[in-house]
């Protein structure tokens, strides 16, 4: 006849085993989510055109400086404006503000900056503003 063996398992040991198994599964799931989410975020930053935020740049104009402010989303230019424009600039260079409004209207409608249509009467002013906007948008480009 076979000898009968009696195994005594305490309740503490069962509880400890269940807790350690649950922590092990939780750790494995956490590692999977951490590393799979990172690849998804990297692909999102590569497809975006700009970093979202408010970007500024200065344009020298004669003896004064014009401060440009560009507000961007990840894939869209929201607004472009001149910050703290002096009254002497508006008097001496009256085409600055209307030229910027025309450029802003085109860029906010997702026209690429290289395909902007310039007016003949303010071509020099618009070219100057476009160069300033390009430097601002270079700052706003996402870095890989």
N, C-alpha and C. Protein backbone atom coordinates (compact mmCIF):
# COMPACT_ATOMS: atom_id res chain seq x y z
N UNK A 1 0.81 -1.17 0.00
CA UNK A 1 0.00 0.00 0.00
C UNK A 1 0.86 1.25 0.00
N UNK A 2 0.28 2.30 -0.58
CA UNK A 2 1.02 3.56 -0.65
C UNK A 2 0.83 4.33 0.64
N UNK A 3 1.89 5.02 0.97
CA UNK A 3 1.82 5.81 2.19
C UNK A 3 1.13 7.14 1.87
N UNK A 4 0.28 7.58 2.71
CA UNK A 4 -0.43 8.83 2.55
C UNK A 4 0.43 9.96 3.09
N UNK A 5 0.55 11.04 2.27
CA UNK A 5 1.32 12.20 2.70
C UNK A 5 0.34 13.33 2.99
N UNK A 6 0.58 13.99 4.05
CA UNK A 6 -0.25 15.12 4.42
C UNK A 6 0.59 16.39 4.23
N UNK A 7 0.04 17.31 3.42
CA UNK A 7 0.72 18.57 3.15
C UNK A 7 -0.07 19.67 3.84
N UNK A 8 0.63 20.45 4.62
CA UNK A 8 -0.01 21.54 5.34
C UNK A 8 0.42 22.85 4.68
N UNK A 9 -0.56 23.58 4.18
CA UNK A 9 -0.28 24.88 3.57
C UNK A 9 -0.97 25.92 4.44
N UNK A 10 -0.16 26.86 4.86
CA UNK A 10 -0.75 27.90 5.69
C UNK A 10 -1.38 28.98 4.80
N UNK A 11 -2.38 29.62 5.32
CA UNK A 11 -3.11 30.64 4.58
C UNK A 11 -2.22 31.83 4.24
N UNK A 12 -1.24 32.13 5.10
CA UNK A 12 -0.31 33.23 4.84
C UNK A 12 0.47 32.99 3.56
N UNK A 13 0.94 31.77 3.35
CA UNK A 13 1.73 31.46 2.17
C UNK A 13 0.91 31.63 0.89
N UNK A 14 -0.35 31.25 0.93
CA UNK A 14 -1.21 31.39 -0.25
C UNK A 14 -1.44 32.87 -0.56
N UNK A 15 -1.68 33.67 0.46
CA UNK A 15 -1.90 35.10 0.26
C UNK A 15 -0.64 35.78 -0.29
N UNK A 16 0.53 35.43 0.27
CA UNK A 16 1.78 36.01 -0.23
C UNK A 16 2.02 35.62 -1.69
N UNK A 17 1.74 34.40 -2.05
CA UNK A 17 1.93 33.95 -3.42
C UNK A 17 1.02 34.70 -4.38
N UNK A 18 -0.22 34.88 -4.00
CA UNK A 18 -1.17 35.62 -4.86
C UNK A 18 -0.74 37.08 -5.01
N UNK A 19 -0.29 37.70 -3.93
CA UNK A 19 0.15 39.10 -3.99
C UNK A 19 1.37 39.25 -4.89
N UNK A 20 2.36 38.37 -4.75
CA UNK A 20 3.56 38.46 -5.59
C UNK A 20 3.25 38.17 -7.05
N UNK A 21 2.35 37.25 -7.33
CA UNK A 21 1.96 36.96 -8.71
C UNK A 21 1.25 38.18 -9.32
N UNK A 22 0.37 38.82 -8.56
CA UNK A 22 -0.34 40.01 -9.06
C UNK A 22 0.64 41.15 -9.30
N UNK A 23 1.60 41.34 -8.40
CA UNK A 23 2.60 42.39 -8.62
C UNK A 23 3.47 42.10 -9.84
N UNK A 24 3.80 40.85 -10.07
CA UNK A 24 4.58 40.48 -11.25
C UNK A 24 3.82 40.77 -12.54
N UNK A 25 2.54 40.42 -12.57
CA UNK A 25 1.72 40.69 -13.75
C UNK A 25 1.57 42.19 -13.96
N UNK A 26 1.36 42.93 -12.88
CA UNK A 26 1.24 44.38 -12.97
C UNK A 26 2.53 45.02 -13.49
N UNK A 27 3.67 44.53 -13.07
CA UNK A 27 4.96 45.05 -13.54
C UNK A 27 5.15 44.78 -15.03
N UNK A 28 4.78 43.60 -15.47
CA UNK A 28 4.90 43.26 -16.89
C UNK A 28 3.98 44.15 -17.73
N UNK A 29 2.74 44.34 -17.29
CA UNK A 29 1.82 45.22 -18.01
C UNK A 29 2.31 46.66 -18.04
N UNK A 30 2.87 47.13 -16.95
CA UNK A 30 3.40 48.49 -16.89
C UNK A 30 4.55 48.67 -17.88
N UNK A 31 5.44 47.71 -17.97
CA UNK A 31 6.54 47.80 -18.93
C UNK A 31 6.04 47.79 -20.37
N UNK A 32 5.03 46.98 -20.64
CA UNK A 32 4.47 46.92 -22.00
C UNK A 32 3.84 48.26 -22.37
N UNK A 33 3.06 48.85 -21.46
CA UNK A 33 2.43 50.14 -21.76
C UNK A 33 3.43 51.26 -21.87
N UNK A 34 4.48 51.24 -21.07
CA UNK A 34 5.49 52.31 -21.13
C UNK A 34 6.19 52.31 -22.47
N UNK A 35 6.61 51.17 -22.94
CA UNK A 35 7.39 51.13 -24.16
C UNK A 35 6.52 51.18 -25.42
N UNK A 36 5.30 50.74 -25.38
CA UNK A 36 4.45 50.86 -26.56
C UNK A 36 3.93 52.28 -26.72
N UNK A 37 3.69 53.02 -25.65
CA UNK A 37 3.23 54.40 -25.72
C UNK A 37 4.30 55.34 -26.23
N UNK A 38 5.56 55.04 -25.98
CA UNK A 38 6.65 55.91 -26.41
C UNK A 38 6.75 55.93 -27.93
N UNK A 39 6.58 54.81 -28.60
CA UNK A 39 6.64 54.77 -30.05
C UNK A 39 5.51 55.57 -30.67
N UNK A 40 4.36 55.56 -30.07
CA UNK A 40 3.21 56.31 -30.58
C UNK A 40 3.46 57.81 -30.48
N UNK A 41 4.04 58.28 -29.39
CA UNK A 41 4.31 59.71 -29.22
C UNK A 41 5.38 60.18 -30.19
N UNK A 42 6.38 59.34 -30.46
CA UNK A 42 7.42 59.72 -31.40
C UNK A 42 6.86 59.91 -32.79
N UNK A 43 5.94 59.06 -33.21
CA UNK A 43 5.35 59.20 -34.53
C UNK A 43 4.48 60.44 -34.61
N UNK A 44 3.83 60.85 -33.51
CA UNK A 44 3.01 62.06 -33.51
C UNK A 44 3.87 63.30 -33.67
N UNK A 45 5.03 63.36 -33.01
CA UNK A 45 5.87 64.54 -33.12
C UNK A 45 6.52 64.64 -34.49
N UNK A 46 6.72 63.53 -35.18
CA UNK A 46 7.31 63.58 -36.50
C UNK A 46 6.30 64.09 -37.53
N UNK A 47 5.02 63.86 -37.31
CA UNK A 47 4.03 64.29 -38.28
C UNK A 47 3.57 65.73 -38.05
N UNK A 48 3.84 66.30 -36.90
CA UNK A 48 3.39 67.67 -36.64
C UNK A 48 4.33 68.66 -37.33
N UNK A 49 3.75 69.76 -37.78
CA UNK A 49 4.53 70.79 -38.47
C UNK A 49 5.24 71.73 -37.50
N UNK A 50 4.57 72.06 -36.40
CA UNK A 50 5.10 73.03 -35.45
C UNK A 50 4.92 72.52 -34.02
N UNK A 51 5.68 73.12 -33.13
CA UNK A 51 5.42 72.92 -31.72
C UNK A 51 4.37 73.96 -31.32
N UNK A 52 3.39 73.55 -30.58
CA UNK A 52 2.33 74.47 -30.19
C UNK A 52 2.88 75.51 -29.23
N UNK A 53 2.50 76.76 -29.44
CA UNK A 53 2.96 77.81 -28.54
C UNK A 53 2.93 79.18 -29.19
N UNK A 54 3.50 80.13 -28.48
CA UNK A 54 3.62 81.51 -28.96
C UNK A 54 5.09 81.76 -29.22
N UNK A 55 5.41 82.16 -30.45
CA UNK A 55 6.80 82.33 -30.87
C UNK A 55 7.00 83.78 -31.30
N UNK A 56 8.15 84.36 -30.94
CA UNK A 56 8.41 85.76 -31.25
C UNK A 56 9.74 85.91 -31.98
N UNK A 57 9.84 87.01 -32.69
CA UNK A 57 11.07 87.37 -33.39
C UNK A 57 11.08 88.87 -33.61
N UNK A 58 12.25 89.43 -33.81
CA UNK A 58 12.40 90.86 -34.04
C UNK A 58 12.88 91.11 -35.47
N UNK A 59 12.30 92.13 -36.08
CA UNK A 59 12.69 92.52 -37.44
C UNK A 59 13.21 93.95 -37.37
N UNK A 60 14.45 94.19 -37.76
CA UNK A 60 14.94 95.57 -37.78
C UNK A 60 14.32 96.33 -38.96
N UNK A 61 13.82 97.51 -38.66
CA UNK A 61 13.18 98.33 -39.68
C UNK A 61 13.67 99.76 -39.48
N UNK A 62 14.66 100.15 -40.25
CA UNK A 62 15.26 101.46 -40.07
C UNK A 62 16.00 101.51 -38.73
N UNK A 63 15.67 102.51 -37.92
CA UNK A 63 16.29 102.63 -36.61
C UNK A 63 15.50 101.91 -35.51
N UNK A 64 14.35 101.37 -35.85
CA UNK A 64 13.50 100.72 -34.86
C UNK A 64 13.41 99.22 -35.13
N UNK A 65 12.73 98.54 -34.24
CA UNK A 65 12.57 97.09 -34.35
C UNK A 65 11.09 96.75 -34.23
N UNK A 66 10.64 95.84 -35.11
CA UNK A 66 9.27 95.33 -35.04
C UNK A 66 9.32 93.96 -34.40
N UNK A 67 8.48 93.72 -33.41
CA UNK A 67 8.40 92.41 -32.76
C UNK A 67 7.20 91.64 -33.31
N UNK A 68 7.49 90.51 -33.95
CA UNK A 68 6.44 89.66 -34.49
C UNK A 68 6.09 88.57 -33.49
N UNK A 69 4.81 88.22 -33.40
CA UNK A 69 4.36 87.14 -32.53
C UNK A 69 3.51 86.20 -33.37
N UNK A 70 3.89 84.91 -33.39
CA UNK A 70 3.17 83.90 -34.16
C UNK A 70 2.65 82.86 -33.18
N UNK A 71 1.35 82.59 -33.24
CA UNK A 71 0.72 81.58 -32.39
C UNK A 71 0.44 80.35 -33.25
N UNK A 72 0.97 79.18 -32.83
CA UNK A 72 0.81 77.97 -33.62
C UNK A 72 0.21 76.83 -32.80
N UNK A 73 -0.47 75.93 -33.53
CA UNK A 73 -0.86 74.63 -33.01
C UNK A 73 0.16 73.64 -33.56
N UNK A 74 -0.13 72.35 -33.44
CA UNK A 74 0.80 71.37 -33.96
C UNK A 74 0.86 71.34 -35.48
N UNK A 75 -0.21 71.73 -36.14
CA UNK A 75 -0.21 71.67 -37.60
C UNK A 75 -0.86 72.89 -38.26
N UNK A 76 -0.96 73.98 -37.51
CA UNK A 76 -1.68 75.14 -38.05
C UNK A 76 -1.14 76.43 -37.42
N UNK A 77 -1.10 77.49 -38.22
CA UNK A 77 -0.76 78.81 -37.71
C UNK A 77 -2.07 79.50 -37.34
N UNK A 78 -2.20 79.89 -36.08
CA UNK A 78 -3.45 80.50 -35.62
C UNK A 78 -3.49 82.00 -35.85
N UNK A 79 -2.41 82.71 -35.52
CA UNK A 79 -2.42 84.15 -35.73
C UNK A 79 -1.00 84.68 -35.81
N UNK A 80 -0.89 85.83 -36.46
CA UNK A 80 0.38 86.56 -36.56
C UNK A 80 0.05 88.01 -36.26
N UNK A 81 0.85 88.60 -35.38
CA UNK A 81 0.59 90.01 -35.07
C UNK A 81 1.90 90.69 -34.68
N UNK A 82 1.85 92.01 -34.74
CA UNK A 82 2.98 92.83 -34.31
C UNK A 82 2.72 93.24 -32.87
N UNK A 83 3.70 92.99 -32.01
CA UNK A 83 3.56 93.29 -30.59
C UNK A 83 4.24 94.62 -30.29
N UNK A 84 3.58 95.45 -29.51
CA UNK A 84 4.12 96.75 -29.06
C UNK A 84 4.60 97.60 -30.23
N UNK A 85 3.73 97.79 -31.21
CA UNK A 85 4.11 98.61 -32.36
C UNK A 85 4.08 100.08 -31.94
N UNK A 86 5.12 100.77 -32.30
CA UNK A 86 5.26 102.18 -31.94
C UNK A 86 4.49 103.03 -32.95
N UNK A 87 4.04 104.19 -32.48
CA UNK A 87 3.27 105.08 -33.34
C UNK A 87 4.13 105.63 -34.48
N UNK A 88 5.42 105.76 -34.25
CA UNK A 88 6.30 106.25 -35.31
C UNK A 88 6.42 105.23 -36.43
N UNK A 89 6.36 103.94 -36.11
CA UNK A 89 6.44 102.91 -37.15
C UNK A 89 5.19 102.96 -38.02
N UNK A 90 4.02 103.10 -37.40
CA UNK A 90 2.79 103.16 -38.20
C UNK A 90 2.73 104.43 -39.04
N UNK A 91 3.37 105.49 -38.58
CA UNK A 91 3.39 106.73 -39.35
C UNK A 91 4.40 106.65 -40.50
N UNK A 92 5.60 106.17 -40.20
CA UNK A 92 6.66 106.12 -41.21
C UNK A 92 6.47 104.96 -42.21
N UNK A 93 5.91 103.85 -41.75
CA UNK A 93 5.72 102.67 -42.60
C UNK A 93 4.24 102.26 -42.55
N UNK A 94 3.38 102.94 -43.27
CA UNK A 94 1.94 102.67 -43.17
C UNK A 94 1.51 101.34 -43.78
N UNK A 95 2.35 100.71 -44.59
CA UNK A 95 1.97 99.45 -45.23
C UNK A 95 2.27 98.22 -44.38
N UNK A 96 2.91 98.40 -43.24
CA UNK A 96 3.31 97.24 -42.43
C UNK A 96 2.10 96.46 -41.93
N UNK A 97 1.16 97.13 -41.29
CA UNK A 97 0.01 96.43 -40.71
C UNK A 97 -0.91 95.81 -41.78
N UNK A 98 -1.27 96.54 -42.85
CA UNK A 98 -2.11 95.90 -43.88
C UNK A 98 -1.40 94.73 -44.57
N UNK A 99 -0.11 94.86 -44.78
CA UNK A 99 0.64 93.77 -45.41
C UNK A 99 0.65 92.54 -44.52
N UNK A 100 0.82 92.76 -43.22
CA UNK A 100 0.83 91.63 -42.29
C UNK A 100 -0.54 90.96 -42.22
N UNK A 101 -1.61 91.75 -42.30
CA UNK A 101 -2.96 91.17 -42.27
C UNK A 101 -3.22 90.30 -43.50
N UNK A 102 -2.71 90.72 -44.65
CA UNK A 102 -2.86 89.91 -45.87
C UNK A 102 -2.08 88.61 -45.75
N UNK A 103 -0.87 88.69 -45.22
CA UNK A 103 -0.05 87.49 -45.03
C UNK A 103 -0.71 86.57 -44.01
N UNK A 104 -1.20 87.13 -42.93
CA UNK A 104 -1.84 86.34 -41.88
C UNK A 104 -3.07 85.61 -42.43
N UNK A 105 -3.86 86.28 -43.24
CA UNK A 105 -5.05 85.65 -43.81
C UNK A 105 -4.68 84.44 -44.66
N UNK A 106 -3.61 84.55 -45.42
CA UNK A 106 -3.19 83.43 -46.26
C UNK A 106 -2.61 82.29 -45.43
N UNK A 107 -1.75 82.62 -44.46
CA UNK A 107 -1.11 81.57 -43.65
C UNK A 107 -2.11 80.87 -42.74
N UNK A 108 -3.10 81.58 -42.24
CA UNK A 108 -4.11 80.94 -41.39
C UNK A 108 -5.05 80.05 -42.19
N UNK A 109 -5.10 80.24 -43.51
CA UNK A 109 -5.87 79.37 -44.39
C UNK A 109 -5.01 78.25 -44.97
N UNK A 110 -3.91 77.94 -44.31
CA UNK A 110 -3.02 76.82 -44.65
C UNK A 110 -2.35 76.94 -46.01
N UNK A 111 -2.06 78.16 -46.45
CA UNK A 111 -1.24 78.36 -47.64
C UNK A 111 0.22 78.25 -47.20
N UNK A 112 1.02 77.41 -47.86
CA UNK A 112 2.44 77.32 -47.48
C UNK A 112 3.14 78.67 -47.65
N UNK A 113 4.13 78.90 -46.81
CA UNK A 113 4.79 80.21 -46.79
C UNK A 113 5.53 80.50 -48.10
N UNK A 114 5.94 79.45 -48.82
CA UNK A 114 6.64 79.66 -50.09
C UNK A 114 5.68 79.96 -51.24
N UNK A 115 4.38 79.77 -51.04
CA UNK A 115 3.40 79.98 -52.10
C UNK A 115 2.49 81.19 -51.82
N UNK A 116 2.92 82.09 -50.97
CA UNK A 116 2.12 83.27 -50.66
C UNK A 116 2.06 84.20 -51.86
N UNK A 117 0.90 84.80 -52.08
CA UNK A 117 0.74 85.75 -53.18
C UNK A 117 0.96 87.15 -52.61
N UNK A 118 1.90 87.86 -53.21
CA UNK A 118 2.24 89.20 -52.74
C UNK A 118 1.61 90.25 -53.65
N UNK A 119 1.20 91.36 -53.06
CA UNK A 119 0.67 92.49 -53.83
C UNK A 119 1.84 93.30 -54.39
N UNK A 120 1.63 93.88 -55.52
CA UNK A 120 2.68 94.66 -56.16
C UNK A 120 3.02 95.94 -55.39
N UNK A 121 2.01 96.57 -54.79
CA UNK A 121 2.27 97.85 -54.12
C UNK A 121 2.95 97.69 -52.76
N UNK A 122 2.94 96.50 -52.19
CA UNK A 122 3.61 96.30 -50.90
C UNK A 122 4.51 95.08 -50.91
N UNK A 123 5.10 94.77 -52.07
CA UNK A 123 5.94 93.58 -52.21
C UNK A 123 7.16 93.64 -51.29
N UNK A 124 7.83 94.77 -51.17
CA UNK A 124 9.03 94.87 -50.34
C UNK A 124 8.67 94.67 -48.87
N UNK A 125 7.60 95.29 -48.42
CA UNK A 125 7.17 95.17 -47.02
C UNK A 125 6.76 93.74 -46.71
N UNK A 126 6.00 93.12 -47.62
CA UNK A 126 5.58 91.75 -47.40
C UNK A 126 6.76 90.79 -47.41
N UNK A 127 7.73 91.02 -48.26
CA UNK A 127 8.92 90.18 -48.29
C UNK A 127 9.68 90.29 -46.98
N UNK A 128 9.81 91.48 -46.46
CA UNK A 128 10.47 91.70 -45.17
C UNK A 128 9.74 90.96 -44.05
N UNK A 129 8.42 91.06 -44.05
CA UNK A 129 7.62 90.38 -43.02
C UNK A 129 7.69 88.86 -43.17
N UNK A 130 7.69 88.36 -44.40
CA UNK A 130 7.77 86.92 -44.63
C UNK A 130 9.09 86.37 -44.12
N UNK A 131 10.17 87.08 -44.33
CA UNK A 131 11.47 86.63 -43.82
C UNK A 131 11.46 86.55 -42.30
N UNK A 132 10.82 87.53 -41.66
CA UNK A 132 10.70 87.48 -40.20
C UNK A 132 9.83 86.33 -39.73
N UNK A 133 8.76 86.06 -40.47
CA UNK A 133 7.87 84.95 -40.11
C UNK A 133 8.60 83.62 -40.30
N UNK A 134 9.42 83.52 -41.33
CA UNK A 134 10.19 82.28 -41.54
C UNK A 134 11.14 82.00 -40.38
N UNK A 135 11.78 83.05 -39.85
CA UNK A 135 12.66 82.82 -38.70
C UNK A 135 11.87 82.39 -37.48
N UNK A 136 10.67 82.93 -37.32
CA UNK A 136 9.82 82.52 -36.19
C UNK A 136 9.40 81.06 -36.37
N UNK A 137 9.00 80.69 -37.56
CA UNK A 137 8.54 79.32 -37.80
C UNK A 137 9.69 78.32 -37.72
N UNK A 138 10.92 78.75 -37.99
CA UNK A 138 12.06 77.86 -37.78
C UNK A 138 12.23 77.52 -36.31
N UNK A 139 11.94 78.49 -35.45
CA UNK A 139 11.98 78.23 -34.00
C UNK A 139 10.88 77.27 -33.58
N UNK A 140 9.74 77.33 -34.28
CA UNK A 140 8.57 76.54 -33.89
C UNK A 140 8.59 75.12 -34.45
N UNK A 141 9.55 74.79 -35.30
CA UNK A 141 9.59 73.44 -35.87
C UNK A 141 10.01 72.44 -34.80
N UNK A 142 9.37 71.26 -34.79
CA UNK A 142 9.73 70.26 -33.78
C UNK A 142 11.11 69.68 -34.08
N UNK A 143 11.84 69.42 -33.02
CA UNK A 143 13.16 68.81 -33.18
C UNK A 143 13.05 67.30 -33.05
N UNK A 144 13.72 66.56 -33.91
CA UNK A 144 13.61 65.08 -33.85
C UNK A 144 14.30 64.50 -32.64
